[in-house]
Every structure is written in C-alpha cells, then in structure tokens.
Amino acid sequence: MQKLFATSIVLMLCAIWWGDQSSAQDAPAPQGEIRIVDENHRNWVWITLNVMEHLMELDTDGMLVPRLATGWRWLNDRTLEVELRRGVTFHNGEVFDAEIVKLNWQENIRLRQPHQSGAYMNFEPGSRLEIVSPQIVRFIFPEPDGMALAKLSVMHIANRQFYREFGWDEKSW
C-alpha cells in the first residue's frame, strides 16, 4: 500500500512538473495573416470588431470604457479631446500614437464607411482631427454630436502596414 501511495505521489509530481514546462511564455508568437474568401462586407464587421482595437468601447453594462484611449473630455459642445494610451505597439512593432489615429480618422472620413448599424455612425462632413501631442488628439465637429463617442467606439484602428498592404475600400468588402 505504501509503495502504491509513493508511486502515485511521484506520478502526480511528474504531471505537475510536466504541465509547468508548457507555459505560454514558451509558445511561439502567432504569425500569418487573415485571408477572407467570402468578400461579403459582413465578414469584415465581425473580423474587425474582434481583431482591431478601438479608442473606447461599450462594456457589458453599456458604459463606455477606455481601450486605446485612456480618457476623454469635452472642451466645449463641439470639441472632444482624447488622451491616447502610451506604450502600445502593433504586432509588427509599429508604435501607436496620434499620427496613427489621424491616419485611421482620415480613412474613415474619406470612405464614409458602411456600418452594420447604419450610416448615422459616420461623422458629419466638416468634422476634423487635430494632433495636440503624440498622445493627445482633438476631434472638432461642425455641430454638437451626441453620438461622437459611440462613433469613435466603432472606428477601427489599424497600423500603416494594413493601409499599405490592404486598406479599406469597396474591393476589401
């Protein structure tokens, strides 16, 4: 009986030690790219919402919470200042900063993207973005926009590599 007990302890310790050896730190970094076979734009909606980050998003209680932004404040009824998260890099090592937000903003404005929830998620013509510093941007709207934060919560943030190699366009939907 003591031999069986001792053998069980040894096997259990071996199993625990073996399990420790396969930690996530030893796992290879994911590599590759996303290839979409069915070009229906709804595929893009699900992929981008689950793969790309946003400045802020709605939590399970419907409250806006920071993501790539750490905070935001209205300077007046038409100007929203957003502070960006520091120390963020994309998968390719590119640094997230105000220039990246501006690039994504310009593409969003240029295309007036078709949103799954409707065109009301597009920003009004004349809306613009100013860079205050590498970590602060200001969104300036031609008129008060009570949906601005919700609209920003669905504006996908991609890096320069994405725009060089693929980008948004009707051919991408």
N, C-alpha and C. Protein backbone atom coordinates (compact mmCIF):
# COMPACT_ATOMS: atom_id res chain seq x y z
N MET A 1 0.83 -1.20 0.00
CA MET A 1 0.00 0.00 0.00
C MET A 1 0.87 1.25 0.00
N GLN A 2 1.97 1.23 0.81
CA GLN A 2 2.85 2.39 0.86
C GLN A 2 3.54 2.60 -0.49
N LYS A 3 3.87 1.49 -1.17
CA LYS A 3 4.50 1.57 -2.47
C LYS A 3 3.55 2.23 -3.48
N LEU A 4 2.28 1.86 -3.47
CA LEU A 4 1.26 2.43 -4.36
C LEU A 4 1.10 3.93 -4.07
N PHE A 5 1.07 4.28 -2.79
CA PHE A 5 0.94 5.69 -2.40
C PHE A 5 2.15 6.49 -2.89
N ALA A 6 3.35 5.97 -2.67
CA ALA A 6 4.58 6.67 -3.09
C ALA A 6 4.62 6.81 -4.61
N THR A 7 4.21 5.76 -5.33
CA THR A 7 4.19 5.83 -6.79
C THR A 7 3.20 6.88 -7.27
N SER A 8 2.04 6.97 -6.63
CA SER A 8 1.05 7.98 -7.00
C SER A 8 1.58 9.39 -6.79
N ILE A 9 2.28 9.60 -5.68
CA ILE A 9 2.86 10.92 -5.40
C ILE A 9 3.89 11.27 -6.47
N VAL A 10 4.74 10.35 -6.83
CA VAL A 10 5.77 10.59 -7.85
C VAL A 10 5.11 10.92 -9.19
N LEU A 11 4.10 10.15 -9.57
CA LEU A 11 3.40 10.42 -10.84
C LEU A 11 2.72 11.79 -10.82
N MET A 12 2.11 12.14 -9.70
CA MET A 12 1.45 13.45 -9.59
C MET A 12 2.48 14.58 -9.71
N LEU A 13 3.62 14.45 -9.05
CA LEU A 13 4.65 15.47 -9.14
C LEU A 13 5.20 15.58 -10.56
N CYS A 14 5.37 14.45 -11.23
CA CYS A 14 5.83 14.47 -12.63
C CYS A 14 4.82 15.20 -13.51
N ALA A 15 3.53 14.93 -13.29
CA ALA A 15 2.48 15.58 -14.09
C ALA A 15 2.48 17.09 -13.86
N ILE A 16 2.63 17.48 -12.60
CA ILE A 16 2.67 18.92 -12.30
C ILE A 16 3.90 19.56 -12.94
N TRP A 17 5.06 18.92 -12.80
CA TRP A 17 6.29 19.46 -13.39
C TRP A 17 6.15 19.53 -14.90
N TRP A 18 5.62 18.50 -15.52
CA TRP A 18 5.47 18.45 -16.98
C TRP A 18 4.54 19.57 -17.45
N GLY A 19 3.43 19.80 -16.71
CA GLY A 19 2.49 20.86 -17.07
C GLY A 19 3.12 22.23 -16.99
N ASP A 20 4.03 22.44 -16.03
CA ASP A 20 4.73 23.72 -15.90
C ASP A 20 5.60 24.01 -17.11
N GLN A 21 6.12 22.99 -17.75
CA GLN A 21 7.06 23.18 -18.85
C GLN A 21 6.39 23.72 -20.10
N SER A 22 5.08 23.66 -20.19
CA SER A 22 4.40 24.12 -21.40
C SER A 22 3.72 25.46 -21.16
N SER A 23 4.42 26.38 -20.54
CA SER A 23 3.84 27.68 -20.23
C SER A 23 3.67 28.51 -21.49
N ALA A 24 2.80 29.50 -21.42
CA ALA A 24 2.53 30.36 -22.57
C ALA A 24 3.77 31.13 -23.01
N GLN A 25 4.71 31.34 -22.11
CA GLN A 25 5.92 32.06 -22.46
C GLN A 25 6.76 31.30 -23.49
N ASP A 26 6.64 29.98 -23.48
CA ASP A 26 7.40 29.16 -24.42
C ASP A 26 6.70 29.02 -25.77
N ALA A 27 5.44 29.41 -25.84
CA ALA A 27 4.68 29.25 -27.08
C ALA A 27 5.20 30.23 -28.13
N PRO A 28 5.29 29.79 -29.38
CA PRO A 28 5.75 30.70 -30.43
C PRO A 28 4.73 31.81 -30.67
N ALA A 29 5.21 32.97 -31.06
CA ALA A 29 4.33 34.10 -31.36
C ALA A 29 3.49 33.76 -32.58
N PRO A 30 2.21 34.15 -32.60
CA PRO A 30 1.38 33.88 -33.77
C PRO A 30 1.92 34.61 -34.99
N GLN A 31 1.86 33.96 -36.11
CA GLN A 31 2.33 34.57 -37.35
C GLN A 31 1.30 34.31 -38.43
N GLY A 32 1.36 35.09 -39.49
CA GLY A 32 0.46 34.87 -40.61
C GLY A 32 -0.42 36.07 -40.85
N GLU A 33 -1.43 35.85 -41.62
CA GLU A 33 -2.33 36.94 -41.97
C GLU A 33 -3.73 36.38 -42.13
N ILE A 34 -4.69 37.28 -42.15
CA ILE A 34 -6.08 36.89 -42.32
C ILE A 34 -6.40 36.94 -43.82
N ARG A 35 -6.93 35.87 -44.34
CA ARG A 35 -7.38 35.82 -45.73
C ARG A 35 -8.89 35.59 -45.71
N ILE A 36 -9.61 36.45 -46.39
CA ILE A 36 -11.07 36.34 -46.43
C ILE A 36 -11.46 35.79 -47.79
N VAL A 37 -12.16 34.69 -47.78
CA VAL A 37 -12.58 34.07 -49.03
C VAL A 37 -13.91 34.67 -49.49
N ASP A 38 -14.86 34.77 -48.58
CA ASP A 38 -16.16 35.36 -48.90
C ASP A 38 -16.05 36.86 -48.67
N GLU A 39 -16.18 37.65 -49.73
CA GLU A 39 -15.93 39.09 -49.63
C GLU A 39 -17.14 39.90 -49.14
N ASN A 40 -18.16 39.26 -48.64
CA ASN A 40 -19.31 39.97 -48.11
C ASN A 40 -18.84 40.90 -47.00
N HIS A 41 -19.29 42.16 -47.03
CA HIS A 41 -18.81 43.14 -46.04
C HIS A 41 -19.15 42.77 -44.61
N ARG A 42 -20.14 41.92 -44.41
CA ARG A 42 -20.45 41.49 -43.03
C ARG A 42 -19.30 40.70 -42.42
N ASN A 43 -18.53 40.00 -43.26
CA ASN A 43 -17.35 39.30 -42.74
C ASN A 43 -16.38 40.29 -42.13
N TRP A 44 -16.21 41.42 -42.79
CA TRP A 44 -15.30 42.44 -42.28
C TRP A 44 -15.76 42.96 -40.93
N VAL A 45 -17.06 43.12 -40.76
CA VAL A 45 -17.59 43.63 -39.50
C VAL A 45 -17.14 42.73 -38.35
N TRP A 46 -17.35 41.44 -38.47
CA TRP A 46 -17.03 40.52 -37.38
C TRP A 46 -15.53 40.41 -37.17
N ILE A 47 -14.77 40.40 -38.25
CA ILE A 47 -13.32 40.29 -38.10
C ILE A 47 -12.76 41.55 -37.46
N THR A 48 -13.13 42.72 -37.99
CA THR A 48 -12.55 43.96 -37.46
C THR A 48 -12.97 44.22 -36.02
N LEU A 49 -14.20 43.90 -35.67
CA LEU A 49 -14.62 44.12 -34.28
C LEU A 49 -13.88 43.20 -33.31
N ASN A 50 -13.45 42.06 -33.78
CA ASN A 50 -12.76 41.11 -32.91
C ASN A 50 -11.26 41.14 -33.03
N VAL A 51 -10.71 41.73 -34.08
CA VAL A 51 -9.27 41.73 -34.28
C VAL A 51 -8.67 43.12 -34.04
N MET A 52 -9.35 44.16 -34.49
CA MET A 52 -8.80 45.51 -34.37
C MET A 52 -9.25 46.16 -33.07
N GLU A 53 -8.43 47.03 -32.57
CA GLU A 53 -8.75 47.78 -31.36
C GLU A 53 -9.50 49.05 -31.71
N HIS A 54 -10.04 49.67 -30.69
CA HIS A 54 -10.79 50.92 -30.83
C HIS A 54 -10.35 51.86 -29.72
N LEU A 55 -10.65 53.13 -29.86
CA LEU A 55 -10.27 54.09 -28.83
C LEU A 55 -11.00 53.81 -27.53
N MET A 56 -12.25 53.46 -27.64
CA MET A 56 -13.07 53.12 -26.49
C MET A 56 -14.10 52.11 -26.95
N GLU A 57 -14.77 51.47 -26.00
CA GLU A 57 -15.82 50.52 -26.38
C GLU A 57 -16.87 50.46 -25.29
N LEU A 58 -17.98 49.83 -25.62
CA LEU A 58 -19.04 49.64 -24.64
C LEU A 58 -18.77 48.37 -23.86
N ASP A 59 -18.91 48.47 -22.54
CA ASP A 59 -18.77 47.26 -21.73
C ASP A 59 -20.10 46.53 -21.67
N THR A 60 -20.18 45.46 -20.90
CA THR A 60 -21.40 44.66 -20.84
C THR A 60 -22.58 45.40 -20.22
N ASP A 61 -22.30 46.51 -19.53
CA ASP A 61 -23.37 47.32 -18.94
C ASP A 61 -23.75 48.50 -19.84
N GLY A 62 -23.15 48.58 -21.04
CA GLY A 62 -23.46 49.67 -21.95
C GLY A 62 -22.72 50.97 -21.64
N MET A 63 -21.70 50.89 -20.80
CA MET A 63 -20.91 52.07 -20.45
C MET A 63 -19.66 52.13 -21.30
N LEU A 64 -19.27 53.35 -21.72
CA LEU A 64 -18.03 53.50 -22.48
C LEU A 64 -16.83 53.31 -21.56
N VAL A 65 -15.90 52.48 -22.01
CA VAL A 65 -14.68 52.22 -21.24
C VAL A 65 -13.48 52.44 -22.15
N PRO A 66 -12.36 52.86 -21.59
CA PRO A 66 -11.15 53.10 -22.39
C PRO A 66 -10.59 51.82 -23.00
N ARG A 67 -10.02 51.96 -24.19
CA ARG A 67 -9.26 50.89 -24.83
C ARG A 67 -7.92 51.50 -25.23
N LEU A 68 -7.81 52.00 -26.47
CA LEU A 68 -6.57 52.67 -26.87
C LEU A 68 -6.52 54.10 -26.34
N ALA A 69 -7.65 54.62 -25.95
CA ALA A 69 -7.69 55.92 -25.26
C ALA A 69 -7.68 55.63 -23.76
N THR A 70 -7.06 56.51 -23.00
CA THR A 70 -7.11 56.35 -21.54
C THR A 70 -8.16 57.26 -20.92
N GLY A 71 -8.58 58.24 -21.68
CA GLY A 71 -9.60 59.16 -21.19
C GLY A 71 -9.99 60.16 -22.26
N TRP A 72 -11.06 60.89 -22.00
CA TRP A 72 -11.55 61.89 -22.94
C TRP A 72 -12.35 62.93 -22.17
N ARG A 73 -12.44 64.12 -22.76
CA ARG A 73 -13.23 65.18 -22.13
C ARG A 73 -13.68 66.15 -23.21
N TRP A 74 -14.85 66.69 -23.00
CA TRP A 74 -15.39 67.69 -23.92
C TRP A 74 -14.84 69.05 -23.50
N LEU A 75 -14.19 69.75 -24.43
CA LEU A 75 -13.70 71.11 -24.14
C LEU A 75 -14.82 72.12 -24.32
N ASN A 76 -15.72 71.84 -25.24
CA ASN A 76 -16.96 72.61 -25.44
C ASN A 76 -17.91 71.66 -26.17
N ASP A 77 -19.05 72.16 -26.63
CA ASP A 77 -20.04 71.24 -27.21
C ASP A 77 -19.67 70.71 -28.59
N ARG A 78 -18.54 71.15 -29.15
CA ARG A 78 -18.10 70.67 -30.47
C ARG A 78 -16.67 70.14 -30.50
N THR A 79 -16.00 70.13 -29.38
CA THR A 79 -14.58 69.73 -29.35
C THR A 79 -14.36 68.68 -28.27
N LEU A 80 -13.90 67.52 -28.72
CA LEU A 80 -13.63 66.39 -27.83
C LEU A 80 -12.13 66.13 -27.83
N GLU A 81 -11.52 66.14 -26.65
CA GLU A 81 -10.10 65.85 -26.52
C GLU A 81 -9.94 64.44 -25.98
N VAL A 82 -9.07 63.66 -26.64
CA VAL A 82 -8.87 62.25 -26.26
C VAL A 82 -7.40 62.02 -25.96
N GLU A 83 -7.14 61.44 -24.79
CA GLU A 83 -5.76 61.07 -24.42
C GLU A 83 -5.53 59.62 -24.82
N LEU A 84 -4.41 59.37 -25.48
CA LEU A 84 -4.10 58.05 -26.01
C LEU A 84 -3.22 57.25 -25.06
N ARG A 85 -3.42 55.96 -25.09
CA ARG A 85 -2.64 55.05 -24.25
C ARG A 85 -1.18 55.04 -24.69
N ARG A 86 -0.28 55.12 -23.75
CA ARG A 86 1.17 55.08 -24.02
C ARG A 86 1.67 53.64 -23.99
N GLY A 87 2.76 53.39 -24.71
CA GLY A 87 3.41 52.10 -24.65
C GLY A 87 2.75 51.00 -25.47
N VAL A 88 1.85 51.36 -26.38
CA VAL A 88 1.16 50.36 -27.20
C VAL A 88 1.91 50.21 -28.52
N THR A 89 2.14 48.97 -28.92
CA THR A 89 2.72 48.69 -30.23
C THR A 89 1.85 47.68 -30.95
N PHE A 90 1.86 47.78 -32.27
CA PHE A 90 1.14 46.83 -33.11
C PHE A 90 1.95 45.55 -33.22
N HIS A 91 1.38 44.53 -33.80
CA HIS A 91 2.04 43.23 -33.94
C HIS A 91 3.37 43.32 -34.67
N ASN A 92 3.53 44.33 -35.53
CA ASN A 92 4.76 44.46 -36.31
C ASN A 92 5.77 45.41 -35.65
N GLY A 93 5.47 45.85 -34.43
CA GLY A 93 6.39 46.72 -33.70
C GLY A 93 6.13 48.20 -33.89
N GLU A 94 5.21 48.56 -34.79
CA GLU A 94 4.89 49.97 -35.02
C GLU A 94 4.22 50.56 -33.79
N VAL A 95 4.61 51.77 -33.43
CA VAL A 95 4.11 52.42 -32.22
C VAL A 95 2.76 53.09 -32.49
N PHE A 96 1.83 52.91 -31.55
CA PHE A 96 0.52 53.57 -31.60
C PHE A 96 0.68 54.98 -31.06
N ASP A 97 0.24 55.97 -31.85
CA ASP A 97 0.31 57.36 -31.42
C ASP A 97 -0.74 58.18 -32.18
N ALA A 98 -0.70 59.49 -31.99
CA ALA A 98 -1.68 60.39 -32.61
C ALA A 98 -1.66 60.32 -34.13
N GLU A 99 -0.50 60.11 -34.73
CA GLU A 99 -0.42 60.01 -36.19
C GLU A 99 -1.20 58.82 -36.72
N ILE A 100 -1.17 57.71 -35.99
CA ILE A 100 -1.94 56.52 -36.38
C ILE A 100 -3.43 56.82 -36.27
N VAL A 101 -3.83 57.48 -35.19
CA VAL A 101 -5.25 57.84 -35.04
C VAL A 101 -5.68 58.74 -36.19
N LYS A 102 -4.83 59.70 -36.55
CA LYS A 102 -5.15 60.61 -37.65
C LYS A 102 -5.29 59.85 -38.98
N LEU A 103 -4.40 58.91 -39.24
CA LEU A 103 -4.48 58.10 -40.45
C LEU A 103 -5.82 57.35 -40.50
N ASN A 104 -6.20 56.73 -39.41
CA ASN A 104 -7.46 55.99 -39.37
C ASN A 104 -8.66 56.92 -39.48
N TRP A 105 -8.58 58.07 -38.85
CA TRP A 105 -9.65 59.07 -38.94
C TRP A 105 -9.83 59.51 -40.39
N GLN A 106 -8.74 59.83 -41.06
CA GLN A 106 -8.81 60.30 -42.45
C GLN A 106 -9.43 59.24 -43.36
N GLU A 107 -9.05 57.99 -43.16
CA GLU A 107 -9.62 56.91 -43.97
C GLU A 107 -11.10 56.74 -43.67
N ASN A 108 -11.47 56.84 -42.41
CA ASN A 108 -12.87 56.72 -42.01
C ASN A 108 -13.70 57.83 -42.64
N ILE A 109 -13.20 59.05 -42.58
CA ILE A 109 -13.90 60.21 -43.15
C ILE A 109 -13.96 60.10 -44.68
N ARG A 110 -12.85 59.70 -45.29
CA ARG A 110 -12.78 59.61 -46.75
C ARG A 110 -13.80 58.61 -47.30
N LEU A 111 -13.91 57.48 -46.66
CA LEU A 111 -14.77 56.41 -47.18
C LEU A 111 -16.21 56.49 -46.71
N ARG A 112 -16.45 57.24 -45.63
CA ARG A 112 -17.79 57.25 -45.04
C ARG A 112 -18.29 55.81 -44.98
N GLN A 113 -17.58 55.03 -44.20
CA GLN A 113 -17.72 53.58 -44.16
C GLN A 113 -19.17 53.13 -43.95
N PRO A 114 -19.53 52.05 -44.64
CA PRO A 114 -20.86 51.48 -44.38
C PRO A 114 -20.81 50.70 -43.07
N HIS A 115 -21.56 51.14 -42.11
CA HIS A 115 -21.57 50.47 -40.81
C HIS A 115 -22.75 49.52 -40.76
N GLN A 116 -22.54 48.40 -40.10
CA GLN A 116 -23.59 47.41 -39.94
C GLN A 116 -24.83 48.04 -39.31
N SER A 117 -24.62 48.95 -38.37
CA SER A 117 -25.74 49.56 -37.66
C SER A 117 -26.34 50.76 -38.38
N GLY A 118 -25.73 51.23 -39.47
CA GLY A 118 -26.32 52.31 -40.26
C GLY A 118 -25.37 53.47 -40.51
N ALA A 119 -25.71 54.28 -41.52
CA ALA A 119 -24.88 55.41 -41.93
C ALA A 119 -24.81 56.50 -40.87
N TYR A 120 -25.73 56.50 -39.91
CA TYR A 120 -25.69 57.52 -38.85
C TYR A 120 -24.43 57.39 -38.00
N MET A 121 -23.68 56.30 -38.16
CA MET A 121 -22.43 56.12 -37.43
C MET A 121 -21.26 56.85 -38.09
N ASN A 122 -21.50 57.44 -39.26
CA ASN A 122 -20.46 58.25 -39.91
C ASN A 122 -20.44 59.64 -39.30
N PHE A 123 -19.27 60.27 -39.33
CA PHE A 123 -19.14 61.64 -38.82
C PHE A 123 -19.64 62.62 -39.87
N GLU A 124 -20.18 63.74 -39.41
CA GLU A 124 -20.70 64.76 -40.31
C GLU A 124 -19.58 65.37 -41.14
N PRO A 125 -19.86 65.73 -42.40
CA PRO A 125 -18.86 66.44 -43.20
C PRO A 125 -18.40 67.70 -42.46
N GLY A 126 -17.12 67.98 -42.53
CA GLY A 126 -16.56 69.12 -41.81
C GLY A 126 -15.96 68.74 -40.47
N SER A 127 -16.20 67.50 -40.02
CA SER A 127 -15.57 67.02 -38.79
C SER A 127 -14.08 66.85 -39.07
N ARG A 128 -13.27 67.18 -38.08
CA ARG A 128 -11.83 67.07 -38.31
C ARG A 128 -11.10 66.67 -37.03
N LEU A 129 -9.83 66.30 -37.21
CA LEU A 129 -9.00 65.88 -36.09
C LEU A 129 -7.75 66.75 -36.08
N GLU A 130 -7.37 67.21 -34.90
CA GLU A 130 -6.11 67.94 -34.72
C GLU A 130 -5.23 67.15 -33.76
N ILE A 131 -3.95 67.10 -34.06
CA ILE A 131 -2.99 66.48 -33.16
C ILE A 131 -2.46 67.55 -32.20
N VAL A 132 -2.65 67.34 -30.92
CA VAL A 132 -2.17 68.26 -29.89
C VAL A 132 -0.75 67.86 -29.48
N SER A 133 -0.55 66.55 -29.33
CA SER A 133 0.76 65.98 -28.97
C SER A 133 0.75 64.53 -29.45
N PRO A 134 1.85 63.82 -29.33
CA PRO A 134 1.84 62.41 -29.76
C PRO A 134 0.81 61.55 -29.01
N GLN A 135 0.34 62.02 -27.85
CA GLN A 135 -0.61 61.23 -27.06
C GLN A 135 -1.96 61.91 -26.87
N ILE A 136 -2.19 63.04 -27.54
CA ILE A 136 -3.48 63.73 -27.39
C ILE A 136 -3.97 64.19 -28.76
N VAL A 137 -5.25 63.87 -29.05
CA VAL A 137 -5.89 64.33 -30.27
C VAL A 137 -7.18 65.07 -29.91
N ARG A 138 -7.58 65.98 -30.78
CA ARG A 138 -8.85 66.69 -30.60
C ARG A 138 -9.71 66.44 -31.83
N PHE A 139 -10.93 66.05 -31.58
CA PHE A 139 -11.93 65.90 -32.63
C PHE A 139 -12.80 67.14 -32.58
N ILE A 140 -12.93 67.79 -33.72
CA ILE A 140 -13.72 69.03 -33.79
C ILE A 140 -14.86 68.79 -34.77
N PHE A 141 -16.07 69.00 -34.30
CA PHE A 141 -17.26 68.73 -35.07
C PHE A 141 -17.94 70.04 -35.49
N PRO A 142 -18.54 70.08 -36.69
CA PRO A 142 -19.17 71.31 -37.16
C PRO A 142 -20.40 71.70 -36.35
N GLU A 143 -20.99 70.74 -35.67
CA GLU A 143 -22.13 70.99 -34.79
C GLU A 143 -22.07 69.98 -33.65
N PRO A 144 -22.77 70.21 -32.56
CA PRO A 144 -22.74 69.24 -31.46
C PRO A 144 -23.12 67.84 -31.95
N ASP A 145 -22.41 66.84 -31.50
CA ASP A 145 -22.65 65.47 -31.94
C ASP A 145 -22.71 64.56 -30.71
N GLY A 146 -23.93 64.30 -30.25
CA GLY A 146 -24.13 63.46 -29.08
C GLY A 146 -23.73 62.01 -29.30
N MET A 147 -23.51 61.63 -30.56
CA MET A 147 -23.12 60.25 -30.88
C MET A 147 -21.61 60.11 -31.08
N ALA A 148 -20.86 61.18 -30.90
CA ALA A 148 -19.42 61.16 -31.22
C ALA A 148 -18.67 60.03 -30.53
N LEU A 149 -18.89 59.84 -29.24
CA LEU A 149 -18.17 58.78 -28.53
C LEU A 149 -18.58 57.39 -29.02
N ALA A 150 -19.85 57.21 -29.30
CA ALA A 150 -20.30 55.92 -29.84
C ALA A 150 -19.69 55.68 -31.22
N LYS A 151 -19.61 56.72 -32.03
CA LYS A 151 -19.00 56.59 -33.36
C LYS A 151 -17.51 56.24 -33.24
N LEU A 152 -16.83 56.88 -32.31
CA LEU A 152 -15.40 56.58 -32.11
C LEU A 152 -15.21 55.16 -31.58
N SER A 153 -16.20 54.63 -30.88
CA SER A 153 -16.06 53.28 -30.33
C SER A 153 -16.11 52.20 -31.41
N VAL A 154 -16.54 52.56 -32.62
CA VAL A 154 -16.54 51.58 -33.72
C VAL A 154 -15.56 51.96 -34.82
N MET A 155 -14.76 53.00 -34.60
CA MET A 155 -13.72 53.36 -35.57
C MET A 155 -12.52 52.46 -35.34
N HIS A 156 -12.28 51.55 -36.28
CA HIS A 156 -11.19 50.59 -36.15
C HIS A 156 -9.84 51.30 -36.27
N ILE A 157 -8.90 50.86 -35.46
CA ILE A 157 -7.55 51.42 -35.50
C ILE A 157 -6.61 50.37 -36.08
N ALA A 158 -6.08 50.66 -37.25
CA ALA A 158 -5.12 49.78 -37.93
C ALA A 158 -3.79 50.52 -38.05
N ASN A 159 -2.74 49.79 -38.34
CA ASN A 159 -1.42 50.41 -38.48
C ASN A 159 -1.14 50.75 -39.95
N ARG A 160 -0.01 51.37 -40.19
CA ARG A 160 0.36 51.77 -41.56
C ARG A 160 0.51 50.57 -42.48
N GLN A 161 1.02 49.47 -41.95
CA GLN A 161 1.20 48.26 -42.75
C GLN A 161 -0.15 47.81 -43.33
N PHE A 162 -1.20 47.87 -42.53
CA PHE A 162 -2.53 47.48 -43.01
C PHE A 162 -2.92 48.33 -44.21
N TYR A 163 -2.71 49.64 -44.12
CA TYR A 163 -3.10 50.53 -45.22
C TYR A 163 -2.20 50.34 -46.45
N ARG A 164 -0.92 50.07 -46.23
CA ARG A 164 -0.02 49.82 -47.36
C ARG A 164 -0.37 48.54 -48.10
N GLU A 165 -0.67 47.49 -47.35
CA GLU A 165 -0.84 46.18 -47.95
C GLU A 165 -2.28 45.82 -48.29
N PHE A 166 -3.24 46.45 -47.62
CA PHE A 166 -4.62 46.05 -47.85
C PHE A 166 -5.55 47.25 -47.86
N GLY A 167 -5.83 47.81 -46.71
CA GLY A 167 -6.66 49.01 -46.61
C GLY A 167 -8.15 48.76 -46.71
N TRP A 168 -8.88 49.83 -46.53
CA TRP A 168 -10.35 49.79 -46.64
C TRP A 168 -10.70 50.24 -48.04
N ASP A 169 -11.66 49.63 -48.61
CA ASP A 169 -12.16 50.04 -49.93
C ASP A 169 -13.25 49.07 -50.32
N GLU A 170 -14.03 49.44 -51.31
CA GLU A 170 -15.08 48.54 -51.75
C GLU A 170 -14.52 47.18 -52.13
N LYS A 171 -13.31 47.14 -52.70
CA LYS A 171 -12.72 45.86 -53.10
C LYS A 171 -12.36 45.00 -51.88
N SER A 172 -12.31 45.62 -50.70
CA SER A 172 -11.98 44.88 -49.49
C SER A 172 -13.20 44.32 -48.79
N TRP A 173 -14.39 44.72 -49.21
CA TRP A 173 -15.59 44.27 -48.51
C TRP A 173 -16.04 43.02 -49.17
